[in-house]
Amino acid sequence: MNKREFIEVNLQTDCLLNHPLSLIDDEKIDMDFIISVKAVGIIQHPVITRNNGQYPNAPDDAFVIVSGHRRIKAARKLNMKTLICELNHYSSEKEMIADYHTFNMQRGGR
């Protein structure tokens, strides 16, 4: 990975796309998770990257969610306006997918 930075993402106007491997659309977010986000906020920043043509029909300035799909979905359900995200710049799709799997493995996900 070449570069990492933290940016503020506007949840109402910025285009955030689920990574194609993500199954979050099939999952319901647990109400306890939403209550926790409401009470203490987002503890670990979601990780995103630039679209870079992965979604050819999406805007060039769109972001792809690498990790944090549920956190972003919960923030939207709570009508949060902005969210600090970790923006990673990957040198290849393979590198991004490796991170995607590592994040899921470390949190005990799929």
N, C-alpha and C. Protein backbone atom coordinates (compact mmCIF):
# COMPACT_ATOMS: atom_id res chain seq x y z
N MET A 1 0.86 -1.16 0.00
CA MET A 1 0.00 0.00 0.00
C MET A 1 0.91 1.23 0.00
N ASN A 2 0.59 2.15 -0.84
CA ASN A 2 1.43 3.32 -0.99
C ASN A 2 1.17 4.38 0.06
N LYS A 3 -0.09 4.70 0.29
CA LYS A 3 -0.40 5.86 1.12
C LYS A 3 -1.71 5.66 1.86
N ARG A 4 -1.77 6.20 3.07
CA ARG A 4 -2.96 6.16 3.92
C ARG A 4 -3.21 7.56 4.44
N GLU A 5 -4.46 7.98 4.44
CA GLU A 5 -4.80 9.28 5.01
C GLU A 5 -6.20 9.19 5.58
N PHE A 6 -6.55 10.15 6.41
CA PHE A 6 -7.90 10.19 6.98
C PHE A 6 -8.63 11.37 6.36
N ILE A 7 -9.86 11.12 5.91
CA ILE A 7 -10.67 12.17 5.30
C ILE A 7 -12.07 12.15 5.90
N GLU A 8 -12.73 13.29 5.81
CA GLU A 8 -14.12 13.37 6.24
C GLU A 8 -15.01 13.13 5.03
N VAL A 9 -15.87 12.14 5.12
CA VAL A 9 -16.76 11.77 4.03
C VAL A 9 -18.15 12.28 4.34
N ASN A 10 -18.77 12.91 3.37
CA ASN A 10 -20.15 13.37 3.52
C ASN A 10 -21.07 12.21 3.16
N LEU A 11 -21.77 11.68 4.14
CA LEU A 11 -22.62 10.50 3.91
C LEU A 11 -23.84 10.80 3.05
N GLN A 12 -24.17 12.07 2.90
CA GLN A 12 -25.35 12.42 2.10
C GLN A 12 -25.02 12.68 0.64
N THR A 13 -23.79 13.11 0.36
CA THR A 13 -23.47 13.46 -1.03
C THR A 13 -22.37 12.61 -1.64
N ASP A 14 -21.45 12.10 -0.84
CA ASP A 14 -20.37 11.30 -1.41
C ASP A 14 -20.88 9.91 -1.78
N CYS A 15 -20.40 9.41 -2.88
CA CYS A 15 -20.81 8.09 -3.36
C CYS A 15 -19.91 7.03 -2.72
N LEU A 16 -20.50 6.20 -1.86
CA LEU A 16 -19.79 5.10 -1.20
C LEU A 16 -20.38 3.78 -1.70
N LEU A 17 -19.56 2.98 -2.34
CA LEU A 17 -20.02 1.74 -2.95
C LEU A 17 -19.52 0.54 -2.16
N ASN A 18 -20.37 -0.46 -1.99
CA ASN A 18 -19.93 -1.69 -1.35
C ASN A 18 -18.93 -2.40 -2.25
N HIS A 19 -17.91 -2.96 -1.63
CA HIS A 19 -16.96 -3.78 -2.38
C HIS A 19 -17.72 -4.97 -2.96
N PRO A 20 -17.40 -5.40 -4.18
CA PRO A 20 -18.15 -6.52 -4.79
C PRO A 20 -18.15 -7.80 -3.95
N LEU A 21 -17.15 -8.01 -3.12
CA LEU A 21 -17.11 -9.21 -2.28
C LEU A 21 -17.98 -9.10 -1.03
N SER A 22 -18.42 -7.90 -0.73
CA SER A 22 -19.19 -7.68 0.50
C SER A 22 -20.57 -8.31 0.42
N LEU A 23 -20.98 -8.88 1.53
CA LEU A 23 -22.31 -9.48 1.63
C LEU A 23 -23.23 -8.64 2.50
N ILE A 24 -22.82 -7.41 2.79
CA ILE A 24 -23.55 -6.57 3.76
C ILE A 24 -25.00 -6.33 3.33
N ASP A 25 -25.28 -6.26 2.05
CA ASP A 25 -26.66 -6.03 1.62
C ASP A 25 -27.58 -7.17 2.05
N ASP A 26 -26.97 -8.34 2.25
CA ASP A 26 -27.76 -9.50 2.66
C ASP A 26 -27.89 -9.59 4.18
N GLU A 27 -27.13 -8.78 4.89
CA GLU A 27 -27.16 -8.84 6.35
C GLU A 27 -28.01 -7.72 6.91
N LYS A 28 -28.69 -8.03 7.98
CA LYS A 28 -29.39 -6.99 8.72
C LYS A 28 -28.45 -6.50 9.81
N ILE A 29 -28.49 -5.22 10.07
CA ILE A 29 -27.64 -4.69 11.13
C ILE A 29 -28.36 -4.84 12.45
N ASP A 30 -27.68 -5.46 13.38
CA ASP A 30 -28.20 -5.72 14.70
C ASP A 30 -28.53 -4.40 15.40
N MET A 31 -29.67 -4.31 16.04
CA MET A 31 -30.09 -3.10 16.74
C MET A 31 -29.09 -2.73 17.84
N ASP A 32 -28.50 -3.72 18.51
CA ASP A 32 -27.49 -3.45 19.52
C ASP A 32 -26.30 -2.72 18.91
N PHE A 33 -25.94 -3.08 17.69
CA PHE A 33 -24.83 -2.43 16.99
C PHE A 33 -25.18 -0.96 16.74
N ILE A 34 -26.38 -0.70 16.28
CA ILE A 34 -26.82 0.68 16.02
C ILE A 34 -26.85 1.48 17.32
N ILE A 35 -27.37 0.88 18.39
CA ILE A 35 -27.41 1.56 19.69
C ILE A 35 -26.00 1.89 20.16
N SER A 36 -25.07 0.98 19.97
CA SER A 36 -23.68 1.20 20.35
C SER A 36 -23.06 2.36 19.56
N VAL A 37 -23.31 2.40 18.26
CA VAL A 37 -22.78 3.49 17.44
C VAL A 37 -23.38 4.81 17.89
N LYS A 38 -24.66 4.79 18.22
CA LYS A 38 -25.32 6.01 18.69
C LYS A 38 -24.73 6.47 20.02
N ALA A 39 -24.46 5.52 20.90
CA ALA A 39 -23.98 5.86 22.25
C ALA A 39 -22.52 6.31 22.27
N VAL A 40 -21.65 5.61 21.55
CA VAL A 40 -20.21 5.89 21.66
C VAL A 40 -19.57 6.32 20.34
N GLY A 41 -20.33 6.29 19.28
CA GLY A 41 -19.78 6.67 17.98
C GLY A 41 -19.05 5.51 17.32
N ILE A 42 -18.40 5.83 16.23
CA ILE A 42 -17.64 4.83 15.48
C ILE A 42 -16.22 4.82 16.04
N ILE A 43 -15.82 3.70 16.61
CA ILE A 43 -14.53 3.60 17.28
C ILE A 43 -13.41 3.37 16.26
N GLN A 44 -13.64 2.48 15.31
CA GLN A 44 -12.62 2.19 14.30
C GLN A 44 -13.09 2.76 12.96
N HIS A 45 -12.27 3.59 12.36
CA HIS A 45 -12.65 4.24 11.11
C HIS A 45 -12.85 3.21 9.99
N PRO A 46 -13.93 3.37 9.21
CA PRO A 46 -14.08 2.53 8.02
C PRO A 46 -12.91 2.80 7.06
N VAL A 47 -12.57 1.80 6.28
CA VAL A 47 -11.49 1.92 5.30
C VAL A 47 -12.11 1.97 3.90
N ILE A 48 -11.73 2.98 3.14
CA ILE A 48 -12.24 3.16 1.79
C ILE A 48 -11.08 3.36 0.83
N THR A 49 -11.36 3.27 -0.46
CA THR A 49 -10.38 3.57 -1.49
C THR A 49 -11.11 4.24 -2.65
N ARG A 50 -10.37 4.83 -3.55
CA ARG A 50 -10.98 5.46 -4.73
C ARG A 50 -11.49 4.38 -5.67
N ASN A 51 -12.52 4.71 -6.42
CA ASN A 51 -13.13 3.78 -7.35
C ASN A 51 -12.13 3.23 -8.37
N ASN A 52 -11.34 4.08 -9.00
CA ASN A 52 -10.33 3.65 -9.97
C ASN A 52 -10.85 2.69 -11.03
N GLY A 53 -12.07 2.92 -11.48
CA GLY A 53 -12.63 2.13 -12.57
C GLY A 53 -13.20 0.78 -12.20
N GLN A 54 -13.18 0.44 -10.92
CA GLN A 54 -13.74 -0.86 -10.51
C GLN A 54 -15.24 -0.91 -10.81
N TYR A 55 -15.88 0.25 -10.67
CA TYR A 55 -17.29 0.38 -11.01
C TYR A 55 -17.37 1.37 -12.17
N PRO A 56 -17.33 0.89 -13.40
CA PRO A 56 -17.28 1.81 -14.55
C PRO A 56 -18.50 2.73 -14.66
N ASN A 57 -19.64 2.34 -14.13
CA ASN A 57 -20.85 3.17 -14.21
C ASN A 57 -20.97 4.16 -13.05
N ALA A 58 -20.02 4.11 -12.12
CA ALA A 58 -20.05 5.01 -10.96
C ALA A 58 -19.18 6.23 -11.26
N PRO A 59 -19.44 7.32 -10.55
CA PRO A 59 -18.62 8.53 -10.76
C PRO A 59 -17.15 8.27 -10.44
N ASP A 60 -16.29 9.00 -11.08
CA ASP A 60 -14.85 8.85 -10.85
C ASP A 60 -14.46 9.17 -9.42
N ASP A 61 -15.21 10.07 -8.78
CA ASP A 61 -14.86 10.45 -7.41
C ASP A 61 -15.54 9.56 -6.37
N ALA A 62 -16.14 8.46 -6.79
CA ALA A 62 -16.77 7.53 -5.85
C ALA A 62 -15.71 6.80 -5.03
N PHE A 63 -16.13 6.32 -3.87
CA PHE A 63 -15.26 5.54 -3.00
C PHE A 63 -15.80 4.11 -2.92
N VAL A 64 -14.91 3.15 -2.76
CA VAL A 64 -15.27 1.75 -2.54
C VAL A 64 -14.95 1.42 -1.08
N ILE A 65 -15.92 0.83 -0.39
CA ILE A 65 -15.73 0.47 1.01
C ILE A 65 -14.94 -0.83 1.07
N VAL A 66 -13.78 -0.79 1.72
CA VAL A 66 -12.96 -1.99 1.88
C VAL A 66 -13.31 -2.67 3.19
N SER A 67 -13.52 -1.89 4.23
CA SER A 67 -13.88 -2.42 5.54
C SER A 67 -14.74 -1.37 6.26
N GLY A 68 -15.82 -1.82 6.86
CA GLY A 68 -16.67 -0.90 7.60
C GLY A 68 -18.05 -0.74 7.00
N HIS A 69 -18.48 -1.69 6.21
CA HIS A 69 -19.79 -1.63 5.58
C HIS A 69 -20.91 -1.44 6.60
N ARG A 70 -20.86 -2.23 7.68
CA ARG A 70 -21.91 -2.11 8.72
C ARG A 70 -21.81 -0.79 9.46
N ARG A 71 -20.61 -0.31 9.71
CA ARG A 71 -20.45 0.98 10.40
C ARG A 71 -21.03 2.11 9.57
N ILE A 72 -20.76 2.08 8.28
CA ILE A 72 -21.30 3.13 7.40
C ILE A 72 -22.82 3.02 7.30
N LYS A 73 -23.30 1.79 7.21
CA LYS A 73 -24.76 1.60 7.13
C LYS A 73 -25.43 2.08 8.42
N ALA A 74 -24.84 1.79 9.57
CA ALA A 74 -25.39 2.24 10.85
C ALA A 74 -25.36 3.76 10.94
N ALA A 75 -24.26 4.37 10.50
CA ALA A 75 -24.15 5.84 10.52
C ALA A 75 -25.25 6.47 9.68
N ARG A 76 -25.53 5.87 8.55
CA ARG A 76 -26.60 6.39 7.69
C ARG A 76 -27.96 6.22 8.36
N LYS A 77 -28.19 5.07 8.99
CA LYS A 77 -29.47 4.85 9.68
C LYS A 77 -29.66 5.86 10.81
N LEU A 78 -28.57 6.30 11.40
CA LEU A 78 -28.62 7.28 12.49
C LEU A 78 -28.58 8.72 11.96
N ASN A 79 -28.67 8.86 10.65
CA ASN A 79 -28.67 10.17 9.99
C ASN A 79 -27.44 11.01 10.30
N MET A 80 -26.31 10.32 10.49
CA MET A 80 -25.06 11.05 10.66
C MET A 80 -24.74 11.72 9.33
N LYS A 81 -24.24 12.92 9.38
CA LYS A 81 -23.97 13.68 8.15
C LYS A 81 -22.59 13.39 7.57
N THR A 82 -21.60 13.25 8.46
CA THR A 82 -20.24 12.99 8.00
C THR A 82 -19.62 11.87 8.82
N LEU A 83 -18.54 11.33 8.29
CA LEU A 83 -17.85 10.24 8.97
C LEU A 83 -16.38 10.31 8.56
N ILE A 84 -15.50 10.19 9.53
CA ILE A 84 -14.07 10.13 9.22
C ILE A 84 -13.76 8.71 8.74
N CYS A 85 -13.12 8.62 7.60
CA CYS A 85 -12.74 7.32 7.03
C CYS A 85 -11.25 7.31 6.75
N GLU A 86 -10.68 6.13 6.77
CA GLU A 86 -9.30 5.94 6.38
C GLU A 86 -9.29 5.69 4.88
N LEU A 87 -8.66 6.57 4.13
CA LEU A 87 -8.58 6.44 2.68
C LEU A 87 -7.25 5.79 2.34
N ASN A 88 -7.30 4.57 1.84
CA ASN A 88 -6.09 3.85 1.46
C ASN A 88 -5.93 3.90 -0.06
N HIS A 89 -4.70 4.07 -0.47
CA HIS A 89 -4.38 4.10 -1.89
C HIS A 89 -3.65 2.80 -2.21
N TYR A 90 -4.31 1.90 -2.91
CA TYR A 90 -3.72 0.60 -3.23
C TYR A 90 -3.05 0.65 -4.59
N SER A 91 -1.97 -0.13 -4.72
CA SER A 91 -1.26 -0.17 -5.99
C SER A 91 -1.88 -1.17 -6.95
N SER A 92 -2.77 -2.04 -6.42
CA SER A 92 -3.43 -3.03 -7.29
C SER A 92 -4.72 -3.52 -6.64
N GLU A 93 -5.57 -4.08 -7.46
CA GLU A 93 -6.81 -4.70 -6.97
C GLU A 93 -6.47 -5.86 -6.04
N LYS A 94 -5.44 -6.59 -6.37
CA LYS A 94 -5.02 -7.74 -5.55
C LYS A 94 -4.66 -7.29 -4.13
N GLU A 95 -3.97 -6.17 -4.03
CA GLU A 95 -3.59 -5.63 -2.72
C GLU A 95 -4.84 -5.22 -1.92
N MET A 96 -5.81 -4.61 -2.59
CA MET A 96 -7.03 -4.21 -1.92
C MET A 96 -7.81 -5.44 -1.43
N ILE A 97 -7.91 -6.45 -2.25
CA ILE A 97 -8.64 -7.67 -1.87
C ILE A 97 -7.94 -8.36 -0.69
N ALA A 98 -6.62 -8.35 -0.68
CA ALA A 98 -5.88 -8.94 0.45
C ALA A 98 -6.23 -8.20 1.75
N ASP A 99 -6.29 -6.88 1.70
CA ASP A 99 -6.69 -6.10 2.87
C ASP A 99 -8.12 -6.42 3.28
N TYR A 100 -9.01 -6.49 2.30
CA TYR A 100 -10.43 -6.81 2.55
C TYR A 100 -10.52 -8.12 3.36
N HIS A 101 -9.81 -9.14 2.92
CA HIS A 101 -9.86 -10.43 3.60
C HIS A 101 -9.19 -10.36 4.98
N THR A 102 -8.12 -9.61 5.10
CA THR A 102 -7.44 -9.47 6.39
C THR A 102 -8.34 -8.77 7.40
N PHE A 103 -8.99 -7.67 6.99
CA PHE A 103 -9.90 -6.97 7.89
C PHE A 103 -11.00 -7.91 8.37
N ASN A 104 -11.59 -8.68 7.47
CA ASN A 104 -12.66 -9.59 7.84
C ASN A 104 -12.16 -10.71 8.77
N MET A 105 -10.99 -11.24 8.48
CA MET A 105 -10.44 -12.31 9.29
C MET A 105 -10.16 -11.80 10.71
N GLN A 106 -9.62 -10.59 10.82
CA GLN A 106 -9.27 -10.07 12.13
C GLN A 106 -10.48 -9.73 12.99
N ARG A 107 -11.62 -9.46 12.37
CA ARG A 107 -12.81 -9.17 13.17
C ARG A 107 -13.70 -10.41 13.30
N GLY A 108 -13.27 -11.55 12.73
CA GLY A 108 -14.01 -12.79 12.85
C GLY A 108 -15.15 -12.90 11.86
N GLY A 109 -15.12 -12.12 10.79
CA GLY A 109 -16.16 -12.16 9.76
C GLY A 109 -15.85 -13.16 8.69
N ARG A 110 -16.58 -13.01 7.57
CA ARG A 110 -16.38 -13.94 6.46
C ARG A 110 -15.28 -13.48 5.56
